[in-house]
Amino acid sequence: MSNRCVVVAVIRPREGQIGAVREHLQAVIPAVHGESGCEFYALHEGTDDTLVFVEAWDSREQWLQHMEGPAVREITERLEGLLAAPTEVHEVYGVPVGELEKGLIPTAAASR
């Protein structure tokens, strides 16, 4: 198992609010990209009107610092009343199998 912390966060906007939620999330992405340990932090839109963050952090400790930091506080404040359900957060760790390049999300160092 990898020490690298990968997180998938599923956000379910209230009906008719996906545009507003997307804009609020996009506004904090640059700040998160500058956080210590952030390797990957990307917003995706599902076919079912969900928004999904896929994140990779150097360590669980750095992800936990992010979760207690200003960007997450800002997201929480901005999304007040706009969500249909609480955000689902899945914290996972890679189990390398097969070819390394295809078995794990690449690290920032590997992509340089």
N, C-alpha and C. Protein backbone atom coordinates (compact mmCIF):
# COMPACT_ATOMS: atom_id res chain seq x y z
N MET A 1 0.84 -1.18 0.00
CA MET A 1 0.00 0.00 0.00
C MET A 1 0.89 1.24 0.00
N SER A 2 0.51 2.25 -0.72
CA SER A 2 1.25 3.50 -0.87
C SER A 2 1.02 4.42 0.33
N ASN A 3 1.99 5.28 0.65
CA ASN A 3 1.80 6.32 1.66
C ASN A 3 1.06 7.52 1.10
N ARG A 4 1.01 7.61 -0.19
CA ARG A 4 0.35 8.71 -0.87
C ARG A 4 -1.15 8.63 -0.66
N CYS A 5 -1.74 9.74 -0.28
CA CYS A 5 -3.16 9.80 0.01
C CYS A 5 -3.92 10.28 -1.21
N VAL A 6 -4.82 9.45 -1.70
CA VAL A 6 -5.69 9.82 -2.82
C VAL A 6 -7.10 9.96 -2.26
N VAL A 7 -7.76 11.03 -2.68
CA VAL A 7 -9.09 11.32 -2.16
C VAL A 7 -10.04 11.54 -3.34
N VAL A 8 -11.24 10.98 -3.20
CA VAL A 8 -12.31 11.23 -4.15
C VAL A 8 -13.46 11.81 -3.35
N ALA A 9 -13.86 13.03 -3.70
CA ALA A 9 -14.96 13.70 -2.99
C ALA A 9 -16.10 13.93 -3.97
N VAL A 10 -17.27 13.38 -3.64
CA VAL A 10 -18.45 13.47 -4.49
C VAL A 10 -19.39 14.51 -3.91
N ILE A 11 -19.71 15.51 -4.73
CA ILE A 11 -20.53 16.65 -4.31
C ILE A 11 -21.81 16.63 -5.11
N ARG A 12 -22.94 16.66 -4.40
CA ARG A 12 -24.25 16.58 -5.04
C ARG A 12 -25.00 17.90 -4.85
N PRO A 13 -24.97 18.76 -5.88
CA PRO A 13 -25.69 20.04 -5.77
C PRO A 13 -27.20 19.84 -5.75
N ARG A 14 -27.88 20.79 -5.14
CA ARG A 14 -29.35 20.81 -5.22
C ARG A 14 -29.74 21.01 -6.69
N GLU A 15 -30.92 20.58 -7.03
CA GLU A 15 -31.40 20.74 -8.40
C GLU A 15 -31.31 22.21 -8.81
N GLY A 16 -30.74 22.44 -9.99
CA GLY A 16 -30.62 23.79 -10.52
C GLY A 16 -29.42 24.58 -9.98
N GLN A 17 -28.61 23.97 -9.11
CA GLN A 17 -27.50 24.70 -8.49
C GLN A 17 -26.13 24.25 -8.97
N ILE A 18 -26.05 23.36 -9.95
CA ILE A 18 -24.74 22.84 -10.35
C ILE A 18 -23.81 23.95 -10.85
N GLY A 19 -24.33 24.90 -11.58
CA GLY A 19 -23.50 25.99 -12.08
C GLY A 19 -22.90 26.82 -10.95
N ALA A 20 -23.72 27.16 -9.98
CA ALA A 20 -23.24 27.95 -8.84
C ALA A 20 -22.22 27.17 -8.02
N VAL A 21 -22.49 25.89 -7.79
CA VAL A 21 -21.56 25.06 -7.03
C VAL A 21 -20.24 24.93 -7.77
N ARG A 22 -20.30 24.67 -9.07
CA ARG A 22 -19.08 24.55 -9.89
C ARG A 22 -18.25 25.83 -9.79
N GLU A 23 -18.88 26.99 -9.92
CA GLU A 23 -18.15 28.26 -9.84
C GLU A 23 -17.48 28.45 -8.48
N HIS A 24 -18.18 28.11 -7.41
CA HIS A 24 -17.60 28.24 -6.07
C HIS A 24 -16.39 27.32 -5.91
N LEU A 25 -16.50 26.11 -6.41
CA LEU A 25 -15.38 25.17 -6.30
C LEU A 25 -14.20 25.61 -7.15
N GLN A 26 -14.47 26.07 -8.35
CA GLN A 26 -13.39 26.53 -9.23
C GLN A 26 -12.63 27.70 -8.61
N ALA A 27 -13.30 28.52 -7.85
CA ALA A 27 -12.68 29.71 -7.26
C ALA A 27 -11.58 29.36 -6.25
N VAL A 28 -11.67 28.19 -5.60
CA VAL A 28 -10.67 27.85 -4.57
C VAL A 28 -9.56 26.94 -5.10
N ILE A 29 -9.70 26.42 -6.29
CA ILE A 29 -8.71 25.47 -6.82
C ILE A 29 -7.29 26.07 -6.86
N PRO A 30 -7.08 27.29 -7.35
CA PRO A 30 -5.71 27.80 -7.38
C PRO A 30 -5.05 27.84 -6.00
N ALA A 31 -5.79 28.18 -4.98
CA ALA A 31 -5.22 28.22 -3.62
C ALA A 31 -4.82 26.82 -3.17
N VAL A 32 -5.64 25.82 -3.47
CA VAL A 32 -5.33 24.45 -3.07
C VAL A 32 -4.11 23.95 -3.82
N HIS A 33 -3.98 24.29 -5.09
CA HIS A 33 -2.80 23.86 -5.86
C HIS A 33 -1.51 24.36 -5.21
N GLY A 34 -1.57 25.45 -4.49
CA GLY A 34 -0.39 25.99 -3.81
C GLY A 34 -0.13 25.41 -2.44
N GLU A 35 -1.01 24.55 -1.94
CA GLU A 35 -0.84 23.97 -0.61
C GLU A 35 0.28 22.93 -0.60
N SER A 36 0.95 22.85 0.53
CA SER A 36 2.02 21.88 0.71
C SER A 36 1.49 20.46 0.56
N GLY A 37 2.15 19.67 -0.29
CA GLY A 37 1.78 18.27 -0.45
C GLY A 37 0.74 17.99 -1.51
N CYS A 38 0.16 19.04 -2.11
CA CYS A 38 -0.86 18.83 -3.15
C CYS A 38 -0.18 18.42 -4.45
N GLU A 39 -0.41 17.18 -4.86
CA GLU A 39 0.13 16.68 -6.13
C GLU A 39 -0.87 16.84 -7.25
N PHE A 40 -2.15 16.69 -6.90
CA PHE A 40 -3.20 16.66 -7.92
C PHE A 40 -4.49 17.06 -7.24
N TYR A 41 -5.22 18.01 -7.81
CA TYR A 41 -6.49 18.45 -7.25
C TYR A 41 -7.32 18.92 -8.44
N ALA A 42 -8.21 18.07 -8.92
CA ALA A 42 -8.92 18.35 -10.16
C ALA A 42 -10.42 18.11 -10.00
N LEU A 43 -11.19 19.03 -10.53
CA LEU A 43 -12.65 18.94 -10.49
C LEU A 43 -13.15 18.25 -11.75
N HIS A 44 -14.09 17.33 -11.57
CA HIS A 44 -14.72 16.61 -12.68
C HIS A 44 -16.23 16.73 -12.53
N GLU A 45 -16.93 16.68 -13.66
CA GLU A 45 -18.40 16.73 -13.63
C GLU A 45 -18.94 15.40 -14.12
N GLY A 46 -19.83 14.81 -13.32
CA GLY A 46 -20.42 13.53 -13.66
C GLY A 46 -21.61 13.68 -14.59
N THR A 47 -21.99 12.60 -15.20
CA THR A 47 -23.15 12.61 -16.10
C THR A 47 -24.46 12.71 -15.32
N ASP A 48 -24.38 12.56 -14.00
CA ASP A 48 -25.57 12.61 -13.15
C ASP A 48 -25.65 13.91 -12.35
N ASP A 49 -25.03 14.98 -12.86
CA ASP A 49 -25.01 16.29 -12.21
C ASP A 49 -24.33 16.28 -10.85
N THR A 50 -23.37 15.37 -10.67
CA THR A 50 -22.52 15.44 -9.50
C THR A 50 -21.22 16.12 -9.91
N LEU A 51 -20.52 16.66 -8.93
CA LEU A 51 -19.19 17.20 -9.13
C LEU A 51 -18.26 16.35 -8.29
N VAL A 52 -17.11 16.00 -8.85
CA VAL A 52 -16.21 15.08 -8.17
C VAL A 52 -14.80 15.67 -8.17
N PHE A 53 -14.23 15.81 -6.97
CA PHE A 53 -12.83 16.17 -6.87
C PHE A 53 -12.03 14.88 -6.80
N VAL A 54 -10.96 14.80 -7.58
CA VAL A 54 -9.99 13.73 -7.47
C VAL A 54 -8.72 14.42 -7.01
N GLU A 55 -8.18 13.96 -5.89
CA GLU A 55 -7.04 14.62 -5.25
C GLU A 55 -5.94 13.60 -4.97
N ALA A 56 -4.71 14.07 -4.97
CA ALA A 56 -3.58 13.25 -4.52
C ALA A 56 -2.69 14.14 -3.66
N TRP A 57 -2.32 13.62 -2.49
CA TRP A 57 -1.50 14.33 -1.52
C TRP A 57 -0.29 13.48 -1.18
N ASP A 58 0.84 14.15 -0.93
CA ASP A 58 2.08 13.43 -0.60
C ASP A 58 1.89 12.49 0.59
N SER A 59 1.02 12.89 1.53
CA SER A 59 0.80 12.08 2.73
C SER A 59 -0.58 12.37 3.31
N ARG A 60 -1.03 11.48 4.16
CA ARG A 60 -2.30 11.67 4.86
C ARG A 60 -2.25 12.92 5.72
N GLU A 61 -1.11 13.16 6.35
CA GLU A 61 -0.96 14.33 7.23
C GLU A 61 -1.19 15.62 6.45
N GLN A 62 -0.64 15.69 5.23
CA GLN A 62 -0.83 16.90 4.42
C GLN A 62 -2.27 17.05 3.97
N TRP A 63 -2.93 15.95 3.68
CA TRP A 63 -4.35 16.03 3.33
C TRP A 63 -5.17 16.51 4.53
N LEU A 64 -4.85 15.98 5.71
CA LEU A 64 -5.58 16.42 6.92
C LEU A 64 -5.35 17.91 7.18
N GLN A 65 -4.14 18.40 6.92
CA GLN A 65 -3.88 19.84 7.06
C GLN A 65 -4.76 20.62 6.08
N HIS A 66 -4.87 20.12 4.86
CA HIS A 66 -5.75 20.75 3.87
C HIS A 66 -7.20 20.78 4.39
N MET A 67 -7.64 19.68 4.96
CA MET A 67 -9.03 19.59 5.44
C MET A 67 -9.32 20.58 6.57
N GLU A 68 -8.29 20.98 7.31
CA GLU A 68 -8.46 21.95 8.40
C GLU A 68 -8.13 23.37 7.95
N GLY A 69 -7.73 23.54 6.70
CA GLY A 69 -7.23 24.83 6.22
C GLY A 69 -8.28 25.77 5.66
N PRO A 70 -7.82 26.93 5.24
CA PRO A 70 -8.73 27.98 4.77
C PRO A 70 -9.52 27.64 3.52
N ALA A 71 -8.95 26.86 2.60
CA ALA A 71 -9.67 26.54 1.37
C ALA A 71 -10.91 25.70 1.66
N VAL A 72 -10.78 24.72 2.53
CA VAL A 72 -11.94 23.87 2.86
C VAL A 72 -12.97 24.69 3.64
N ARG A 73 -12.51 25.56 4.53
CA ARG A 73 -13.46 26.44 5.24
C ARG A 73 -14.22 27.32 4.25
N GLU A 74 -13.50 27.85 3.26
CA GLU A 74 -14.14 28.69 2.25
C GLU A 74 -15.15 27.89 1.43
N ILE A 75 -14.77 26.68 1.02
CA ILE A 75 -15.70 25.83 0.27
C ILE A 75 -16.97 25.57 1.09
N THR A 76 -16.78 25.23 2.35
CA THR A 76 -17.93 24.94 3.22
C THR A 76 -18.86 26.15 3.31
N GLU A 77 -18.29 27.33 3.49
CA GLU A 77 -19.10 28.55 3.58
C GLU A 77 -19.81 28.86 2.26
N ARG A 78 -19.08 28.74 1.16
CA ARG A 78 -19.65 29.06 -0.16
C ARG A 78 -20.79 28.12 -0.54
N LEU A 79 -20.72 26.86 -0.11
CA LEU A 79 -21.71 25.88 -0.53
C LEU A 79 -22.90 25.76 0.43
N GLU A 80 -22.90 26.56 1.46
CA GLU A 80 -24.01 26.54 2.44
C GLU A 80 -25.35 26.67 1.71
N GLY A 81 -26.23 25.67 1.88
CA GLY A 81 -27.56 25.68 1.30
C GLY A 81 -27.64 25.28 -0.17
N LEU A 82 -26.50 24.97 -0.80
CA LEU A 82 -26.52 24.64 -2.22
C LEU A 82 -26.43 23.14 -2.50
N LEU A 83 -26.24 22.33 -1.46
CA LEU A 83 -26.04 20.89 -1.67
C LEU A 83 -27.29 20.09 -1.30
N ALA A 84 -27.52 19.02 -2.06
CA ALA A 84 -28.65 18.13 -1.80
C ALA A 84 -28.32 17.10 -0.72
N ALA A 85 -27.02 16.86 -0.49
CA ALA A 85 -26.59 15.85 0.48
C ALA A 85 -25.18 16.23 0.94
N PRO A 86 -24.78 15.70 2.09
CA PRO A 86 -23.40 15.94 2.53
C PRO A 86 -22.41 15.37 1.51
N THR A 87 -21.26 16.01 1.39
CA THR A 87 -20.21 15.55 0.49
C THR A 87 -19.69 14.19 0.95
N GLU A 88 -19.58 13.26 0.00
CA GLU A 88 -19.00 11.94 0.28
C GLU A 88 -17.50 12.04 0.05
N VAL A 89 -16.71 11.71 1.07
CA VAL A 89 -15.26 11.77 0.94
C VAL A 89 -14.70 10.37 1.12
N HIS A 90 -13.94 9.93 0.12
CA HIS A 90 -13.33 8.60 0.15
C HIS A 90 -11.81 8.76 0.15
N GLU A 91 -11.17 8.37 1.22
CA GLU A 91 -9.72 8.42 1.37
C GLU A 91 -9.18 7.04 1.03
N VAL A 92 -8.29 6.96 0.04
CA VAL A 92 -7.81 5.66 -0.41
C VAL A 92 -6.29 5.69 -0.62
N TYR A 93 -5.71 4.51 -0.65
CA TYR A 93 -4.27 4.36 -0.82
C TYR A 93 -4.02 3.31 -1.89
N GLY A 94 -3.11 3.62 -2.81
CA GLY A 94 -2.85 2.76 -3.95
C GLY A 94 -2.27 1.41 -3.58
N VAL A 95 -2.75 0.41 -4.27
CA VAL A 95 -2.20 -0.94 -4.16
C VAL A 95 -1.58 -1.24 -5.52
N PRO A 96 -0.24 -1.10 -5.64
CA PRO A 96 0.39 -1.27 -6.95
C PRO A 96 0.23 -2.69 -7.48
N VAL A 97 -0.30 -2.78 -8.67
CA VAL A 97 -0.47 -4.06 -9.35
C VAL A 97 -0.18 -3.83 -10.82
N GLY A 98 0.54 -4.73 -11.44
CA GLY A 98 0.82 -4.59 -12.87
C GLY A 98 1.85 -3.52 -13.14
N GLU A 99 1.72 -2.85 -14.29
CA GLU A 99 2.66 -1.82 -14.69
C GLU A 99 2.50 -0.59 -13.81
N LEU A 100 3.60 -0.09 -13.25
CA LEU A 100 3.55 1.05 -12.35
C LEU A 100 2.86 2.25 -13.00
N GLU A 101 3.16 2.52 -14.26
CA GLU A 101 2.58 3.67 -14.94
C GLU A 101 1.06 3.57 -15.08
N LYS A 102 0.55 2.36 -15.10
CA LYS A 102 -0.89 2.17 -15.29
C LYS A 102 -1.61 1.79 -14.00
N GLY A 103 -0.84 1.47 -12.96
CA GLY A 103 -1.46 0.99 -11.73
C GLY A 103 -1.67 2.06 -10.67
N LEU A 104 -1.04 3.23 -10.83
CA LEU A 104 -1.19 4.30 -9.85
C LEU A 104 -1.31 5.63 -10.57
N ILE A 105 -1.97 6.61 -9.95
CA ILE A 105 -1.99 7.97 -10.49
C ILE A 105 -0.56 8.49 -10.42
N PRO A 106 -0.02 9.02 -11.50
CA PRO A 106 1.38 9.48 -11.48
C PRO A 106 1.60 10.59 -10.47
N THR A 107 2.79 10.62 -9.89
CA THR A 107 3.14 11.70 -8.98
C THR A 107 3.55 12.92 -9.78
N ALA A 108 3.53 14.08 -9.15
CA ALA A 108 3.95 15.31 -9.82
C ALA A 108 5.40 15.19 -10.28
N ALA A 109 6.25 14.58 -9.47
CA ALA A 109 7.66 14.43 -9.81
C ALA A 109 7.84 13.57 -11.05
N ALA A 110 7.03 12.54 -11.19
CA ALA A 110 7.15 11.63 -12.33
C ALA A 110 6.71 12.28 -13.63
N SER A 111 5.84 13.27 -13.55
CA SER A 111 5.33 13.89 -14.77
C SER A 111 6.22 15.01 -15.28
N ARG A 112 7.27 15.34 -14.55
CA ARG A 112 8.19 16.42 -14.97
C ARG A 112 9.19 15.92 -15.95
